[in-house]
């Protein structure tokens, strides 16, 4: 099949989309350029002087009704968080003039993934976020209606679809080896151990609040062939995600040299840590998402097409198939819309510092750009503002983190219903 990138006008001609209003931002005084460019309706639903964002692309920002949107709020940008820097957590009512209601605060956060603030799956009343105590990280489940809370003894990374449990990594270790993804405030007690037996992946019971270690780093390096190992290598786990039916989870195992370079493997396991499978051992796996309970979409480097997106089957000897090689040519933060016909993705800043959010139509292999967001050079490194597009439960809206005019990072809601209708 011939793959091509379609403009908005081309899509209208092919009948894949209906008409849409043009919505472009005015000139931003601090940017010297448009904050965003789009042929679709775009609404900025937060405003300064506070900065707002949500973080990662694989968490539930919308409640199940699509009315309420979670957001984090902070009063500074362009530097590392300090241990006493507190962010505010709130909910936005999209049907009531985007009213903000604060729900809590935390000092356990980073620029890329925030504090793992998200709705508990299938629940319009409960949210969860990570916290920091005097000597440990934890997490808090809040019932918005009653105000009751559950305090778990570990932070969370990825929740199960039924909302009753989660899997998580050691944020102290992540901060030691990959600042920006861990949390500042508590040192890694295993900093001198390259693959500790007391650190790794934990299962968190969100009914009791109790956790247990299910896969230690010492155990993980025993599975399959490890790209790098030795005295100059530190092993750690990052980027976990439970599959759609709650039977298994994915994680990235990274081997990091003291120089800062790392190699990555993608693995899966049952929620109790059993039946570990190595799906990708080529040393370079990046962003990914579950397509269904048995398949993952991930950016990787494979012999067939080099660096590209691939579908991996979750098997001992996985089947690997390239996807969208003509139009999805760069790594990005990928998700599927609910019907799985469309992949949502984005890019990092181009030469003009624009980040593009786009849709890839799986049945036809066609791509349509949704919007371009300008990201000034001050948004780089640890405190960059990736767009991380997230979709509404019905797949008709996207929410994007991006700088807006002179107000810093804010939440942008893009109506894609005319495309995916």
Protein backbone atom coordinates (compact mmCIF):
# COMPACT_ATOMS: atom_id res chain seq x y z
CA UNK A 1 0.00 0.00 0.00
CA UNK A 2 1.28 3.48 -0.84
CA UNK A 3 1.47 5.61 2.30
CA UNK A 4 1.17 9.36 2.17
CA UNK A 5 0.81 12.38 4.40
CA UNK A 6 -2.43 14.25 3.75
CA UNK A 7 -3.10 17.89 4.37
CA UNK A 8 -6.35 18.97 5.99
CA UNK A 9 -7.63 20.01 2.54
CA UNK A 10 -6.76 16.60 1.08
CA UNK A 11 -8.71 14.88 3.84
CA UNK A 12 -11.76 16.97 3.10
CA UNK A 13 -11.57 15.91 -0.54
CA UNK A 14 -11.26 12.22 0.33
CA UNK A 15 -14.32 12.36 2.56
CA UNK A 16 -12.43 11.21 5.66
CA UNK A 17 -13.33 14.46 7.40
CA UNK A 18 -16.10 17.01 7.49
CA UNK A 19 -15.59 20.75 7.54
CA UNK A 20 -14.00 22.36 10.56
CA UNK A 21 -13.59 25.90 11.78
CA UNK A 22 -10.21 27.54 11.56
CA UNK A 23 -8.74 28.43 14.93
CA UNK A 24 -5.29 29.95 15.18
CA UNK A 25 -3.82 31.79 18.12
CA UNK A 26 -2.98 35.48 17.98
CA UNK A 27 0.61 36.59 17.98
CA UNK A 28 2.28 35.82 21.28
CA UNK A 29 4.31 38.74 22.57
CA UNK A 30 6.83 36.50 24.30
CA UNK A 31 7.17 34.09 21.41
CA UNK A 32 7.41 36.39 18.44
CA UNK A 33 5.34 33.83 16.53
CA UNK A 34 1.98 32.14 16.68
CA UNK A 35 1.64 29.91 19.72
CA UNK A 36 -0.14 27.31 17.62
CA UNK A 37 -1.40 26.73 14.11
CA UNK A 38 -4.43 24.58 13.31
CA UNK A 39 -7.39 24.26 10.95
CA UNK A 40 -9.38 22.70 13.79
CA UNK A 41 -11.08 24.31 16.79
CA UNK A 42 -8.54 24.76 19.60
CA UNK A 43 -9.40 26.10 23.06
CA UNK A 44 -6.89 27.04 25.74
CA UNK A 45 -8.72 26.00 28.91
CA UNK A 46 -6.23 27.26 31.52
CA UNK A 47 -4.56 30.64 31.94
CA UNK A 48 -1.70 32.42 33.64
CA UNK A 49 -0.11 33.64 35.73
CA UNK A 50 0.00 30.05 36.97
CA UNK A 51 1.35 27.38 34.59
CA UNK A 52 -0.73 24.26 33.92
CA UNK A 53 0.08 20.86 32.45
CA UNK A 54 -0.74 17.18 32.83
CA UNK A 55 2.32 15.25 31.73
CA UNK A 56 2.44 11.81 30.25
CA UNK A 57 0.32 10.57 27.37
CA UNK A 58 -0.76 7.18 28.77
CA UNK A 59 -2.70 8.34 31.84
CA UNK A 60 -6.41 9.15 32.21
CA UNK A 61 -6.76 12.94 32.20
CA UNK A 62 -10.49 12.88 31.37
CA UNK A 63 -13.07 11.38 33.69
CA UNK A 64 -15.33 8.72 32.09
CA UNK A 65 -18.00 11.33 31.20
CA UNK A 66 -15.55 13.55 29.31
CA UNK A 67 -16.63 16.61 31.31
CA UNK A 68 -13.85 16.88 33.88
CA UNK A 69 -10.17 17.33 33.11
CA UNK A 70 -7.28 16.94 35.57
CA UNK A 71 -4.42 19.43 35.66
CA UNK A 72 -1.36 20.26 37.68
CA UNK A 73 -0.48 23.86 38.51
CA UNK A 74 2.87 25.48 39.34
CA UNK A 75 4.16 29.05 39.63
CA UNK A 76 7.61 28.66 37.97
CA UNK A 77 9.25 27.12 34.92
CA UNK A 78 12.71 26.61 33.33
CA UNK A 79 14.54 25.00 36.26
CA UNK A 80 14.78 21.73 38.14
CA UNK A 81 12.29 21.16 40.95
CA UNK A 82 13.65 21.54 44.47
CA UNK A 83 12.64 19.25 47.31
CA UNK A 84 10.27 21.85 48.78
CA UNK A 85 8.67 22.90 45.49
CA UNK A 86 4.98 22.12 45.81
CA UNK A 87 2.53 21.78 42.92
CA UNK A 88 -1.24 22.09 43.13
CA UNK A 89 -3.59 19.46 41.73
CA UNK A 90 -7.00 20.36 40.38
CA UNK A 91 -9.95 19.46 38.19
CA UNK A 92 -11.34 21.60 35.36
CA UNK A 93 -15.06 21.62 34.53
CA UNK A 94 -15.25 21.91 30.74
CA UNK A 95 -19.01 22.58 30.95
CA UNK A 96 -18.76 25.38 33.50
CA UNK A 97 -16.45 27.99 31.98
CA UNK A 98 -13.41 25.76 32.62
CA UNK A 99 -13.71 26.32 36.35
CA UNK A 100 -10.68 25.08 38.33
CA UNK A 101 -11.20 23.30 41.67
CA UNK A 102 -8.13 22.42 43.72
CA UNK A 103 -7.99 18.85 45.04
CA UNK A 104 -4.59 18.66 46.72
CA UNK A 105 -0.85 19.35 46.61
CA UNK A 106 2.34 17.32 46.44
CA UNK A 107 6.14 17.63 46.46
CA UNK A 108 6.63 14.32 44.61
CA UNK A 109 6.76 15.38 40.97
CA UNK A 110 8.83 15.98 37.84
CA UNK A 111 8.35 17.98 34.67
CA UNK A 112 7.78 15.06 32.30
CA UNK A 113 5.24 12.94 34.16
CA UNK A 114 4.15 15.20 36.97
CA UNK A 115 3.08 13.18 40.02
CA UNK A 116 1.22 10.46 38.07
CA UNK A 117 -2.00 12.39 38.74
CA UNK A 118 -4.88 10.52 37.04
CA UNK A 119 -8.42 9.27 37.36
CA UNK A 120 -8.82 5.83 38.84
CA UNK A 121 -10.02 3.84 35.78
CA UNK A 122 -13.78 3.57 35.36
CA UNK A 123 -14.45 6.00 38.22
CA UNK A 124 -15.81 9.56 38.06
CA UNK A 125 -15.21 10.17 41.76
CA UNK A 126 -11.69 8.95 42.52
CA UNK A 127 -8.30 10.34 41.55
CA UNK A 128 -4.80 9.31 42.56
CA UNK A 129 -1.40 11.01 42.78
CA UNK A 130 2.02 10.39 44.26
CA UNK A 131 3.17 11.87 47.56
CA UNK A 132 6.34 12.24 49.61
CA UNK A 133 6.65 11.62 53.33
CA UNK A 134 9.69 12.10 55.55
CA UNK A 135 11.36 8.86 54.55
CA UNK A 136 9.37 7.38 51.66
CA UNK A 137 7.25 8.06 48.60
CA UNK A 138 3.64 6.94 48.56
CA UNK A 139 0.38 7.66 46.80
CA UNK A 140 -3.02 9.02 47.75
CA UNK A 141 -6.44 8.02 46.41
CA UNK A 142 -9.02 10.78 46.90
CA UNK A 143 -12.78 10.38 46.65
CA UNK A 144 -13.78 13.81 45.33
CA UNK A 145 -17.38 13.53 46.58
CA UNK A 146 -16.77 12.32 50.13
CA UNK A 147 -13.26 13.64 50.72
CA UNK A 148 -12.10 10.28 52.04
CA UNK A 149 -8.58 9.16 51.17
CA UNK A 150 -6.52 5.99 50.99
CA UNK A 151 -2.79 6.29 51.60
CA UNK A 152 -0.72 3.63 49.83
CA UNK A 153 2.79 2.76 51.00
CA UNK A 154 4.29 3.08 47.48
CA UNK A 155 3.90 5.59 44.67
CA UNK A 156 2.12 4.40 41.52
CA UNK A 157 3.29 4.30 37.93
CA UNK A 158 0.55 2.44 35.99
CA UNK A 159 -2.90 1.44 37.20
CA UNK A 160 -4.80 -1.72 36.30
CA UNK A 161 -7.99 -1.21 34.24
CA UNK A 162 -10.17 -2.18 37.20
CA UNK A 163 -8.51 0.47 39.38
CA UNK A 164 -7.81 -1.98 42.18
CA UNK A 165 -4.05 -2.24 41.81
CA UNK A 166 -1.00 -0.66 40.24
CA UNK A 167 2.58 -1.46 39.33
CA UNK A 168 5.41 0.93 40.05
CA UNK A 169 9.14 1.47 39.89
CA UNK A 170 11.60 2.97 42.39
CA UNK A 171 11.40 6.75 41.88
CA UNK A 172 14.44 7.30 44.10
CA UNK A 173 16.56 5.25 41.71
CA UNK A 174 15.03 6.83 38.62
CA UNK A 175 15.92 10.29 39.92
CA UNK A 176 19.50 9.14 40.50
CA UNK A 177 19.98 7.86 36.93
CA UNK A 178 17.41 9.88 34.91
CA UNK A 179 16.63 13.27 36.48
CA UNK A 180 13.30 14.65 35.32
CA UNK A 181 11.51 11.31 35.58
CA UNK A 182 12.14 10.53 39.25
CA UNK A 183 11.47 12.80 42.22
CA UNK A 184 13.78 15.09 44.15
CA UNK A 185 13.85 14.77 47.93
CA UNK A 186 14.82 11.21 48.89
CA UNK A 187 18.15 9.62 47.95
CA UNK A 188 18.47 6.16 46.41
CA UNK A 189 19.48 3.82 49.26
CA UNK A 190 20.85 1.39 46.66
CA UNK A 191 22.91 3.95 44.74
CA UNK A 192 26.07 1.86 45.09
CA UNK A 193 24.42 -1.38 43.94
CA UNK A 194 24.22 -1.89 40.18
CA UNK A 195 21.32 -4.36 40.37
CA UNK A 196 19.88 -4.45 43.91
CA UNK A 197 17.70 -7.30 45.13
CA UNK A 198 15.50 -4.92 47.16
CA UNK A 199 14.62 -2.51 44.35
CA UNK A 200 12.78 -2.98 41.06
CA UNK A 201 9.06 -3.36 40.32
CA UNK A 202 6.39 -3.30 43.03
CA UNK A 203 2.72 -4.29 42.97
CA UNK A 204 0.47 -1.87 44.87
CA UNK A 205 -2.92 -2.98 46.23
CA UNK A 206 -5.17 0.08 45.96
CA UNK A 207 -7.80 -1.49 48.21
CA UNK A 208 -5.51 -2.08 51.20
CA UNK A 209 -2.73 0.40 50.34
CA UNK A 210 -0.09 -2.29 50.79
CA UNK A 211 2.66 -3.12 48.30
CA UNK A 212 5.12 -5.90 47.62
CA UNK A 213 8.23 -6.30 45.48
CA UNK A 214 7.38 -8.59 42.53
CA UNK A 215 10.49 -8.27 40.33
CA UNK A 216 13.84 -7.10 41.67
CA UNK A 217 16.52 -5.60 39.46
CA UNK A 218 18.72 -8.54 40.44
CA UNK A 219 16.06 -10.85 38.98
CA UNK A 220 15.35 -8.78 35.87
CA UNK A 221 18.92 -8.98 34.60
CA UNK A 222 18.69 -12.79 34.76
CA UNK A 223 16.05 -12.82 32.02
CA UNK A 224 17.39 -12.96 28.48
CA UNK A 225 20.47 -11.20 27.21
CA UNK A 226 21.31 -7.86 28.86
CA UNK A 227 22.80 -5.31 26.41
CA UNK A 228 25.23 -3.87 28.96
CA UNK A 229 26.37 -5.14 32.35
CA UNK A 230 29.39 -4.73 34.59
CA UNK A 231 30.84 -2.43 37.26
CA UNK A 232 30.21 0.76 35.23
CA UNK A 233 26.53 -0.02 34.60
CA UNK A 234 23.48 0.78 36.69
CA UNK A 235 20.25 -1.08 36.00
CA UNK A 236 16.85 0.51 36.49
CA UNK A 237 13.21 0.24 35.39
CA UNK A 238 11.12 2.98 33.82
CA UNK A 239 7.88 3.36 31.81
CA UNK A 240 5.45 0.68 32.98
CA UNK A 241 1.97 0.15 31.54
CA UNK A 242 -0.72 -2.46 32.30
CA UNK A 243 -2.46 -4.03 29.30
CA UNK A 244 -6.17 -3.33 28.56
CA UNK A 245 -7.54 -6.47 30.23
CA UNK A 246 -5.34 -6.22 33.33
CA UNK A 247 -3.55 -9.54 32.85
CA UNK A 248 -0.01 -8.32 32.08
CA UNK A 249 2.16 -5.24 32.16
CA UNK A 250 5.03 -3.86 30.10
CA UNK A 251 8.23 -2.23 31.39
CA UNK A 252 11.49 -0.88 30.06
CA UNK A 253 14.71 -2.19 31.58
CA UNK A 254 17.60 0.18 31.08
CA UNK A 255 21.32 -0.41 31.48
CA UNK A 256 23.00 2.93 32.09
CA UNK A 257 26.73 3.64 31.84
CA UNK A 258 28.38 6.11 34.20
CA UNK A 259 28.80 8.36 31.12
CA UNK A 260 25.01 8.73 30.95
CA UNK A 261 24.40 6.58 27.86
CA UNK A 262 21.95 3.72 28.14
CA UNK A 263 20.51 0.76 26.28
CA UNK A 264 16.91 -0.39 26.65
CA UNK A 265 14.99 -3.67 26.60
CA UNK A 266 11.20 -4.01 26.52
CA UNK A 267 9.72 -6.81 28.66
CA UNK A 268 6.31 -7.96 29.87
CA UNK A 269 5.14 -9.96 32.88
CA UNK A 270 2.03 -11.03 34.77
CA UNK A 271 0.87 -8.66 37.49
CA UNK A 272 2.47 -10.91 40.13
CA UNK A 273 5.86 -10.72 38.36
CA UNK A 274 5.68 -14.21 36.85
CA UNK A 275 6.06 -15.29 33.21
CA UNK A 276 8.59 -12.62 32.21
CA UNK A 277 9.05 -12.23 28.44
CA UNK A 278 11.66 -10.21 26.56
CA UNK A 279 9.89 -8.66 23.55
CA UNK A 280 12.59 -6.29 22.31
CA UNK A 281 16.28 -6.77 23.13
CA UNK A 282 17.80 -4.63 20.36
CA UNK A 283 18.91 -1.98 22.84
CA UNK A 284 16.61 0.82 21.69
CA UNK A 285 12.94 0.83 22.65
CA UNK A 286 11.29 4.17 23.27
CA UNK A 287 7.65 5.28 23.53
CA UNK A 288 4.98 2.60 23.37
CA UNK A 289 1.30 1.83 23.97
CA UNK A 290 -0.80 -1.32 24.23
CA UNK A 291 -2.93 -1.74 21.08
CA UNK A 292 -4.90 -4.58 22.69
CA UNK A 293 -4.17 -7.14 25.44
CA UNK A 294 -1.82 -9.12 23.18
CA UNK A 295 0.02 -6.43 21.16
CA UNK A 296 2.18 -3.36 21.77
CA UNK A 297 3.04 -0.48 19.46
CA UNK A 298 6.57 0.80 20.14
CA UNK A 299 9.32 2.90 18.57
CA UNK A 300 12.29 0.60 18.06
CA UNK A 301 15.25 -0.20 15.82
CA UNK A 302 14.71 -3.46 13.94
CA UNK A 303 16.54 -5.08 11.00
CA UNK A 304 13.55 -4.86 8.65
CA UNK A 305 12.98 -1.06 8.66
CA UNK A 306 15.53 0.42 11.07
CA UNK A 307 14.15 3.07 13.42
CA UNK A 308 10.38 3.00 13.13
CA UNK A 309 7.16 2.11 14.91
CA UNK A 310 6.51 -1.62 15.23
CA UNK A 311 3.74 -3.86 16.52
CA UNK A 312 5.10 -6.50 18.92
CA UNK A 313 3.05 -9.55 19.87
CA UNK A 314 3.30 -10.40 23.56
CA UNK A 315 4.82 -13.86 23.13
CA UNK A 316 8.02 -15.68 24.04
CA UNK A 317 9.10 -15.25 20.42
CA UNK A 318 7.23 -12.10 19.41
CA UNK A 319 6.05 -11.34 15.91
CA UNK A 320 7.24 -7.87 14.85
CA UNK A 321 5.61 -5.77 12.13
CA UNK A 322 6.50 -2.22 11.03
CA UNK A 323 3.75 0.44 11.03
CA UNK A 324 3.48 3.77 9.15
CA UNK A 325 7.09 3.82 8.01
CA UNK A 326 6.45 6.47 5.33
CA UNK A 327 4.71 9.06 7.51
CA UNK A 328 5.52 8.23 11.16
CA UNK A 329 9.25 8.69 10.67
CA UNK A 330 10.19 10.05 14.09
CA UNK A 331 9.76 8.87 17.66
CA UNK A 332 6.72 10.32 19.42
CA UNK A 333 4.16 9.88 22.20
CA UNK A 334 1.74 7.40 20.65
CA UNK A 335 -1.75 6.28 21.67
CA UNK A 336 -4.72 4.65 19.96
CA UNK A 337 -8.14 6.24 19.82
CA UNK A 338 -10.84 3.98 21.30
CA UNK A 339 -11.77 2.36 17.96
CA UNK A 340 -8.07 1.64 17.24
CA UNK A 341 -8.42 2.85 13.62
CA UNK A 342 -6.45 5.98 14.51
CA UNK A 343 -3.08 6.43 16.19
CA UNK A 344 -2.45 9.79 17.89
CA UNK A 345 1.19 10.88 17.81
CA UNK A 346 3.41 13.95 18.02
CA UNK A 347 6.88 15.20 17.18
CA UNK A 348 9.68 16.95 18.99
CA UNK A 349 10.49 20.56 17.97
CA UNK A 350 11.53 21.07 14.34
CA UNK A 351 13.97 23.73 13.05
CA UNK A 352 11.35 26.43 13.70
CA UNK A 353 10.66 24.98 17.16
CA UNK A 354 7.17 23.71 16.23
CA UNK A 355 5.88 20.42 17.64
CA UNK A 356 3.28 18.70 15.47
CA UNK A 357 0.38 16.64 16.80
CA UNK A 358 -1.04 14.33 14.14
CA UNK A 359 -3.31 11.36 13.47
CA UNK A 360 -2.37 8.21 11.57
CA UNK A 361 -5.23 6.29 9.93
CA UNK A 362 -4.32 2.62 10.28
CA UNK A 363 -6.63 1.16 7.57
CA UNK A 364 -5.39 3.56 4.83
CA UNK A 365 -1.88 4.42 6.01
CA UNK A 366 -2.68 8.14 5.74
CA UNK A 367 -1.57 10.88 8.10
CA UNK A 368 -3.30 14.17 8.92
CA UNK A 369 -1.64 16.91 10.95
CA UNK A 370 -3.91 18.19 13.73
CA UNK A 371 -1.99 21.21 15.04
CA UNK A 372 1.48 22.69 15.44
CA UNK A 373 2.56 24.16 18.77
CA UNK A 374 5.50 26.53 19.16
CA UNK A 375 8.04 25.67 21.86
CA UNK A 376 10.64 28.38 22.56
CA UNK A 377 14.23 27.29 23.17
CA UNK A 378 13.82 27.96 26.88
CA UNK A 379 11.69 24.80 26.94
CA UNK A 380 14.48 22.26 26.60
CA UNK A 381 16.15 19.48 28.52
CA UNK A 382 14.58 18.38 31.78
CA UNK A 383 11.92 21.14 31.78
CA UNK A 384 10.90 20.88 28.13
CA UNK A 385 7.18 20.88 27.39
CA UNK A 386 6.37 17.86 25.19
CA UNK A 387 2.83 17.96 23.85
CA UNK A 388 1.97 14.44 25.12
CA UNK A 389 -1.48 14.34 23.43
CA UNK A 390 -4.23 12.61 25.43
CA UNK A 391 -7.70 11.79 24.11
CA UNK A 392 -11.20 11.99 25.58
CA UNK A 393 -13.13 8.79 26.33
CA UNK A 394 -15.08 9.12 23.06
CA UNK A 395 -11.94 9.92 21.05
CA UNK A 396 -13.31 13.25 19.76
CA UNK A 397 -11.05 15.61 21.73
CA UNK A 398 -7.32 15.80 22.32
CA UNK A 399 -5.62 17.67 25.16
CA UNK A 400 -2.10 18.97 24.66
CA UNK A 401 0.49 20.58 26.96
CA UNK A 402 2.14 23.55 25.22
CA UNK A 403 3.39 27.09 25.92
CA UNK A 404 0.75 29.72 25.11
CA UNK A 405 1.75 33.29 24.27
CA UNK A 406 3.42 34.77 27.36
CA UNK A 407 1.53 32.57 29.85
CA UNK A 408 3.87 29.57 29.91
CA UNK A 409 2.65 25.99 29.58
CA UNK A 410 -1.13 25.67 29.45
CA UNK A 411 -3.72 23.05 28.44
CA UNK A 412 -5.02 23.14 24.86
CA UNK A 413 -8.16 21.19 23.88
CA UNK A 414 -8.36 20.27 20.18
CA UNK A 415 -11.64 19.11 18.60
CA UNK A 416 -10.81 16.30 16.15
CA UNK A 417 -14.38 15.09 15.70
CA UNK A 418 -14.51 16.35 12.09
CA UNK A 419 -11.66 13.95 11.26
CA UNK A 420 -12.52 10.87 13.26
CA UNK A 421 -16.34 11.52 13.27
